Amino acid sequence: MTEVYRPKRTAATMGSILAAWTGICIVVGAYGSMSLPIGGYVSGFWPAMALQAIGGIWFGMWGVIVAFLFPIISDAIGEAIPMYVAATLIPANFFQAWTVAWVFRRFKLNPELKTRKDWLAWILIGCVLQNAIGATLGTTAFVLWGLFTWEAQPLFWAGWFIGNTWPAIVFGSLILKIATPYVKRTRVYVFPDWW
């Protein structure tokens, strides 16, 4: 396999990608939050989840940082969620980006989804498991804030899980397959490193 040449990363380069990726994620996140609200600040369609996971894979911890920060803004715009409530979702958003990034690095998987193992990890960990974790942490935070009751949590958990999982499977898979070969030639692609 031919090694891809990547120019040296600088603080300015990484700052630029953080700003650009954050902007893209905020727009997609706000759109998702407004597109199919099911109540209780939960959306039945949140395509920004795909970007959270991909950011962690492509950009390492830079992408994970963006993944847990951008929803504070996109949720405030798209769902009018108070920023202090959105900030309590940081653990949910962190795990939704970090989990698959860690798995891809730990097991030396290919973000271009070239093998069955790559696909299984992406679907089972990147789309299903990390959204189950995120839905659990996120809806628990909403219950603790009094936004809905413990009795209603399973319904909102299902909405969060489904609303994040199917866009991640559909859009995330397409983005990884189509865009990774191009992104990996850039300075900002840090995989398999973290920084």
C-alpha atoms as a PDB file:
ATOM      1  CA  MET A   1       0.000   0.000   0.000  1.00  0.00           C
ATOM      2  CA  THR A   2       1.355   3.396  -0.966  1.00  0.00           C
ATOM      3  CA  GLU A   3       1.729   5.868   1.873  1.00  0.00           C
ATOM      4  CA  VAL A   4      -0.207   9.067   1.342  1.00  0.00           C
ATOM      5  CA  TYR A   5       1.853  12.244   1.598  1.00  0.00           C
ATOM      6  CA  ARG A   6       0.390  14.698   4.084  1.00  0.00           C
ATOM      7  CA  PRO A   7       1.837  18.185   4.492  1.00  0.00           C
ATOM      8  CA  LYS A   8       2.927  19.221   7.980  1.00  0.00           C
ATOM      9  CA  ARG A   9       0.139  20.231  10.362  1.00  0.00           C
ATOM     10  CA  THR A  10       0.318  23.646  11.982  1.00  0.00           C
ATOM     11  CA  ALA A  11      -1.732  25.298  14.710  1.00  0.00           C
ATOM     12  CA  ALA A  12      -3.240  27.592  12.073  1.00  0.00           C
ATOM     13  CA  THR A  13      -4.246  24.619   9.930  1.00  0.00           C
ATOM     14  CA  MET A  14      -5.881  22.807  12.814  1.00  0.00           C
ATOM     15  CA  GLY A  15      -7.586  26.001  14.001  1.00  0.00           C
ATOM     16  CA  SER A  16      -8.967  26.523  10.514  1.00  0.00           C
ATOM     17  CA  ILE A  17     -10.382  23.023  10.269  1.00  0.00           C
ATOM     18  CA  LEU A  18     -11.859  23.277  13.739  1.00  0.00           C
ATOM     19  CA  ALA A  19     -13.611  26.491  12.755  1.00  0.00           C
ATOM     20  CA  ALA A  20     -14.815  25.165   9.390  1.00  0.00           C
ATOM     21  CA  TRP A  21     -15.890  21.751  10.724  1.00  0.00           C
ATOM     22  CA  THR A  22     -17.636  23.415  13.674  1.00  0.00           C
ATOM     23  CA  GLY A  23     -19.533  25.718  11.305  1.00  0.00           C
ATOM     24  CA  ILE A  24     -20.642  22.839   9.094  1.00  0.00           C
ATOM     25  CA  CYS A  25     -21.707  20.799  12.115  1.00  0.00           C
ATOM     26  CA  ILE A  26     -23.657  23.700  13.640  1.00  0.00           C
ATOM     27  CA  VAL A  27     -25.629  24.221  10.423  1.00  0.00           C
ATOM     28  CA  VAL A  28     -26.357  20.499   9.960  1.00  0.00           C
ATOM     29  CA  GLY A  29     -27.157  20.100  13.666  1.00  0.00           C
ATOM     30  CA  ALA A  30     -29.538  23.065  13.751  1.00  0.00           C
ATOM     31  CA  TYR A  31     -31.265  21.799  10.600  1.00  0.00           C
ATOM     32  CA  GLY A  32     -31.655  18.352  12.137  1.00  0.00           C
ATOM     33  CA  SER A  33     -32.995  19.775  15.381  1.00  0.00           C
ATOM     34  CA  MET A  34     -35.656  21.765  13.514  1.00  0.00           C
ATOM     35  CA  SER A  35     -36.516  19.176  10.873  1.00  0.00           C
ATOM     36  CA  LEU A  36     -38.351  16.461  12.814  1.00  0.00           C
ATOM     37  CA  PRO A  37     -38.852  17.456  16.459  1.00  0.00           C
ATOM     38  CA  ILE A  38     -40.586  14.800  18.520  1.00  0.00           C
ATOM     39  CA  GLY A  39     -40.725  16.819  21.733  1.00  0.00           C
ATOM     40  CA  GLY A  40     -38.569  17.180  24.793  1.00  0.00           C
ATOM     41  CA  TYR A  41     -35.702  18.622  22.731  1.00  0.00           C
ATOM     42  CA  VAL A  42     -35.313  15.335  20.845  1.00  0.00           C
ATOM     43  CA  SER A  43     -35.298  15.108  17.051  1.00  0.00           C
ATOM     44  CA  GLY A  44     -36.297  12.111  14.971  1.00  0.00           C
ATOM     45  CA  PHE A  45     -33.729  13.128  12.334  1.00  0.00           C
ATOM     46  CA  TRP A  46     -30.325  14.438  13.389  1.00  0.00           C
ATOM     47  CA  PRO A  47     -27.825  13.980  10.534  1.00  0.00           C
ATOM     48  CA  ALA A  48     -25.126  15.845  12.468  1.00  0.00           C
ATOM     49  CA  MET A  49     -24.548  12.571  14.304  1.00  0.00           C
ATOM     50  CA  ALA A  50     -22.781  11.283  11.206  1.00  0.00           C
ATOM     51  CA  LEU A  51     -20.470  14.297  11.343  1.00  0.00           C
ATOM     52  CA  GLN A  52     -19.790  13.772  15.053  1.00  0.00           C
ATOM     53  CA  ALA A  53     -18.585  10.239  14.441  1.00  0.00           C
ATOM     54  CA  ILE A  54     -16.670  11.033  11.264  1.00  0.00           C
ATOM     55  CA  GLY A  55     -14.979  14.026  12.885  1.00  0.00           C
ATOM     56  CA  GLY A  56     -13.617  11.789  15.614  1.00  0.00           C
ATOM     57  CA  ILE A  57     -12.305   9.288  13.083  1.00  0.00           C
ATOM     58  CA  TRP A  58     -10.784  11.783  10.633  1.00  0.00           C
ATOM     59  CA  PHE A  59      -9.604  14.531  12.978  1.00  0.00           C
ATOM     60  CA  GLY A  60      -8.948  12.586  16.188  1.00  0.00           C
ATOM     61  CA  MET A  61      -9.388  14.513  19.414  1.00  0.00           C
ATOM     62  CA  TRP A  62      -9.805  17.732  17.411  1.00  0.00           C
ATOM     63  CA  GLY A  63     -12.943  16.195  15.913  1.00  0.00           C
ATOM     64  CA  VAL A  64     -14.095  14.903  19.298  1.00  0.00           C
ATOM     65  CA  ILE A  65     -13.745  18.413  20.761  1.00  0.00           C
ATOM     66  CA  VAL A  66     -15.843  19.843  17.934  1.00  0.00           C
ATOM     67  CA  ALA A  67     -18.365  17.014  18.406  1.00  0.00           C
ATOM     68  CA  PHE A  68     -19.100  17.867  21.996  1.00  0.00           C
ATOM     69  CA  LEU A  69     -19.021  21.659  21.561  1.00  0.00           C
ATOM     70  CA  PHE A  70     -21.034  22.325  18.383  1.00  0.00           C
ATOM     71  CA  PRO A  71     -24.318  20.837  19.698  1.00  0.00           C
ATOM     72  CA  ILE A  72     -24.395  23.481  22.432  1.00  0.00           C
ATOM     73  CA  ILE A  73     -24.853  26.082  19.688  1.00  0.00           C
ATOM     74  CA  SER A  74     -26.857  24.027  17.183  1.00  0.00           C
ATOM     75  CA  ASP A  75     -29.312  22.857  19.858  1.00  0.00           C
ATOM     76  CA  ALA A  76     -29.773  26.428  21.090  1.00  0.00           C
ATOM     77  CA  ILE A  77     -30.515  27.528  17.500  1.00  0.00           C
ATOM     78  CA  GLY A  78     -32.559  24.554  16.336  1.00  0.00           C
ATOM     79  CA  GLU A  79     -34.497  23.645  19.449  1.00  0.00           C
ATOM     80  CA  ALA A  80     -34.209  26.773  21.583  1.00  0.00           C
ATOM     81  CA  ILE A  81     -32.655  24.606  24.272  1.00  0.00           C
ATOM     82  CA  PRO A  82     -30.990  26.688  26.992  1.00  0.00           C
ATOM     83  CA  MET A  83     -27.199  26.605  26.668  1.00  0.00           C
ATOM     84  CA  TYR A  84     -26.752  25.480  30.267  1.00  0.00           C
ATOM     85  CA  VAL A  85     -28.937  22.433  29.502  1.00  0.00           C
ATOM     86  CA  ALA A  86     -27.136  21.819  26.205  1.00  0.00           C
ATOM     87  CA  ALA A  87     -23.825  21.940  28.074  1.00  0.00           C
ATOM     88  CA  THR A  88     -24.937  19.004  30.230  1.00  0.00           C
ATOM     89  CA  LEU A  89     -25.077  16.942  27.033  1.00  0.00           C
ATOM     90  CA  ILE A  90     -21.288  17.180  26.659  1.00  0.00           C
ATOM     91  CA  PRO A  91     -20.768  13.616  28.021  1.00  0.00           C
ATOM     92  CA  ALA A  92     -23.331  12.204  25.561  1.00  0.00           C
ATOM     93  CA  ASN A  93     -21.814  14.081  22.627  1.00  0.00           C
ATOM     94  CA  PHE A  94     -18.269  13.182  23.703  1.00  0.00           C
ATOM     95  CA  PHE A  95     -19.026   9.456  23.669  1.00  0.00           C
ATOM     96  CA  GLN A  96     -20.896   9.723  20.379  1.00  0.00           C
ATOM     97  CA  ALA A  97     -17.656  10.903  18.757  1.00  0.00           C
ATOM     98  CA  TRP A  98     -14.924   9.265  20.822  1.00  0.00           C
ATOM     99  CA  THR A  99     -16.174   5.671  20.914  1.00  0.00           C
ATOM    100  CA  VAL A 100     -15.898   4.910  17.198  1.00  0.00           C
ATOM    101  CA  ALA A 101     -12.701   6.967  16.883  1.00  0.00           C
ATOM    102  CA  TRP A 102     -11.114   4.831  19.589  1.00  0.00           C
ATOM    103  CA  VAL A 103     -12.336   1.554  18.028  1.00  0.00           C
ATOM    104  CA  PHE A 104     -10.992   2.478  14.577  1.00  0.00           C
ATOM    105  CA  ARG A 105      -7.591   3.320  16.074  1.00  0.00           C
ATOM    106  CA  ARG A 106      -7.411   0.428  18.531  1.00  0.00           C
ATOM    107  CA  PHE A 107      -8.246  -2.237  15.951  1.00  0.00           C
ATOM    108  CA  LYS A 108      -6.449  -0.544  13.024  1.00  0.00           C
ATOM    109  CA  LEU A 109      -9.591  -0.246  10.921  1.00  0.00           C
ATOM    110  CA  ASN A 110      -9.828   1.641   7.658  1.00  0.00           C
ATOM    111  CA  PRO A 111     -12.079   4.757   7.560  1.00  0.00           C
ATOM    112  CA  GLU A 112     -12.655   4.070   3.859  1.00  0.00           C
ATOM    113  CA  LEU A 113     -14.689   1.017   4.941  1.00  0.00           C
ATOM    114  CA  LYS A 114     -12.794  -1.406   2.730  1.00  0.00           C
ATOM    115  CA  THR A 115     -13.362  -4.637   4.668  1.00  0.00           C
ATOM    116  CA  ARG A 116     -16.225  -6.414   6.353  1.00  0.00           C
ATOM    117  CA  LYS A 117     -14.527  -5.735   9.704  1.00  0.00           C
ATOM    118  CA  ASP A 118     -14.457  -1.987   8.934  1.00  0.00           C
ATOM    119  CA  TRP A 119     -18.156  -2.015   8.056  1.00  0.00           C
ATOM    120  CA  LEU A 120     -19.145  -4.040  11.130  1.00  0.00           C
ATOM    121  CA  ALA A 121     -17.252  -1.699  13.435  1.00  0.00           C
ATOM    122  CA  TRP A 122     -18.751   1.359  11.761  1.00  0.00           C
ATOM    123  CA  ILE A 123     -22.342   0.084  11.907  1.00  0.00           C
ATOM    124  CA  LEU A 124     -22.271  -1.673  15.291  1.00  0.00           C
ATOM    125  CA  ILE A 125     -20.018   0.731  17.210  1.00  0.00           C
ATOM    126  CA  GLY A 126     -20.141   3.986  15.234  1.00  0.00           C
ATOM    127  CA  CYS A 127     -23.845   3.950  14.547  1.00  0.00           C
ATOM    128  CA  VAL A 128     -25.562   1.668  17.074  1.00  0.00           C
ATOM    129  CA  LEU A 129     -23.527   1.443  20.305  1.00  0.00           C
ATOM    130  CA  GLN A 130     -22.396   5.027  20.556  1.00  0.00           C
ATOM    131  CA  ASN A 131     -25.915   6.272  19.866  1.00  0.00           C
ATOM    132  CA  ALA A 132     -27.288   3.983  22.565  1.00  0.00           C
ATOM    133  CA  ILE A 133     -24.747   5.492  24.976  1.00  0.00           C
ATOM    134  CA  GLY A 134     -25.525   9.028  23.797  1.00  0.00           C
ATOM    135  CA  ALA A 135     -29.290   8.509  24.036  1.00  0.00           C
ATOM    136  CA  THR A 136     -28.956   7.127  27.557  1.00  0.00           C
ATOM    137  CA  LEU A 137     -26.734   9.954  28.806  1.00  0.00           C
ATOM    138  CA  GLY A 138     -28.683  12.652  26.965  1.00  0.00           C
ATOM    139  CA  THR A 139     -32.187  11.640  27.991  1.00  0.00           C
ATOM    140  CA  THR A 140     -31.018  11.097  31.568  1.00  0.00           C
ATOM    141  CA  ALA A 141     -29.696  14.672  31.599  1.00  0.00           C
ATOM    142  CA  PHE A 142     -33.065  15.903  30.311  1.00  0.00           C
ATOM    143  CA  VAL A 143     -34.906  13.987  33.042  1.00  0.00           C
ATOM    144  CA  LEU A 144     -32.589  15.429  35.687  1.00  0.00           C
ATOM    145  CA  TRP A 145     -33.327  18.943  34.341  1.00  0.00           C
ATOM    146  CA  GLY A 146     -37.041  18.196  34.602  1.00  0.00           C
ATOM    147  CA  LEU A 147     -37.687  18.432  30.862  1.00  0.00           C
ATOM    148  CA  PHE A 148     -39.565  15.154  30.963  1.00  0.00           C
ATOM    149  CA  THR A 149     -40.237  12.380  33.465  1.00  0.00           C
ATOM    150  CA  TRP A 150     -38.545   9.050  34.073  1.00  0.00           C
ATOM    151  CA  GLU A 151     -41.706   7.407  32.752  1.00  0.00           C
ATOM    152  CA  ALA A 152     -41.343   9.271  29.449  1.00  0.00           C
ATOM    153  CA  GLN A 153     -37.606   8.631  29.149  1.00  0.00           C
ATOM    154  CA  PRO A 154     -37.907   5.350  27.159  1.00  0.00           C
ATOM    155  CA  LEU A 155     -39.972   7.096  24.489  1.00  0.00           C
ATOM    156  CA  PHE A 156     -37.495   9.974  24.181  1.00  0.00           C
ATOM    157  CA  TRP A 157     -34.570   7.531  24.355  1.00  0.00           C
ATOM    158  CA  ALA A 158     -36.031   5.663  21.364  1.00  0.00           C
ATOM    159  CA  GLY A 159     -36.528   8.925  19.467  1.00  0.00           C
ATOM    160  CA  TRP A 160     -32.954  10.048  20.155  1.00  0.00           C
ATOM    161  CA  PHE A 161     -31.520   6.634  19.288  1.00  0.00           C
ATOM    162  CA  ILE A 162     -33.454   6.204  16.044  1.00  0.00           C
ATOM    163  CA  GLY A 163     -33.107   9.872  15.056  1.00  0.00           C
ATOM    164  CA  ASN A 164     -29.324   9.657  15.382  1.00  0.00           C
ATOM    165  CA  THR A 165     -28.719   6.091  14.221  1.00  0.00           C
ATOM    166  CA  TRP A 166     -30.353   5.983  10.804  1.00  0.00           C
ATOM    167  CA  PRO A 167     -28.738   9.225   9.541  1.00  0.00           C
ATOM    168  CA  ALA A 168     -25.376   7.956  10.798  1.00  0.00           C
ATOM    169  CA  ILE A 169     -25.811   4.683   8.912  1.00  0.00           C
ATOM    170  CA  VAL A 170     -26.996   6.284   5.667  1.00  0.00           C
ATOM    171  CA  PHE A 171     -25.086   9.574   5.477  1.00  0.00           C
ATOM    172  CA  GLY A 172     -22.073   8.564   7.554  1.00  0.00           C
ATOM    173  CA  SER A 173     -21.413   5.486   5.433  1.00  0.00           C
ATOM    174  CA  LEU A 174     -21.640   7.490   2.211  1.00  0.00           C
ATOM    175  CA  ILE A 175     -19.377  10.252   3.523  1.00  0.00           C
ATOM    176  CA  LEU A 176     -16.752   7.795   4.784  1.00  0.00           C
ATOM    177  CA  LYS A 177     -16.730   5.808   1.528  1.00  0.00           C
ATOM    178  CA  ILE A 178     -16.721   8.803  -0.814  1.00  0.00           C
ATOM    179  CA  ALA A 179     -14.862  11.562   1.035  1.00  0.00           C
ATOM    180  CA  THR A 180     -12.204   9.744   3.090  1.00  0.00           C
ATOM    181  CA  PRO A 181      -9.866   9.152   0.113  1.00  0.00           C
ATOM    182  CA  TYR A 182      -9.810  12.909  -0.474  1.00  0.00           C
ATOM    183  CA  VAL A 183      -9.736  14.077   3.142  1.00  0.00           C
ATOM    184  CA  LYS A 184      -6.853  11.775   4.011  1.00  0.00           C
ATOM    185  CA  ARG A 185      -4.634  13.700   1.586  1.00  0.00           C
ATOM    186  CA  THR A 186      -5.053  16.885   3.621  1.00  0.00           C
ATOM    187  CA  ARG A 187      -3.079  18.238   6.564  1.00  0.00           C
ATOM    188  CA  VAL A 188      -6.026  18.023   8.894  1.00  0.00           C
ATOM    189  CA  TYR A 189      -6.555  14.272   8.574  1.00  0.00           C
ATOM    190  CA  VAL A 190      -4.857  12.904  11.682  1.00  0.00           C
ATOM    191  CA  PHE A 191      -5.927   9.229  11.535  1.00  0.00           C
ATOM    192  CA  PRO A 192      -4.476   6.966  12.947  1.00  0.00           C
ATOM    193  CA  ASP A 193      -3.055   9.541  15.387  1.00  0.00           C
ATOM    194  CA  TRP A 194      -5.181  11.371  17.960  1.00  0.00           C
ATOM    195  CA  TRP A 195      -3.660  14.866  17.623  1.00  0.00           C
END
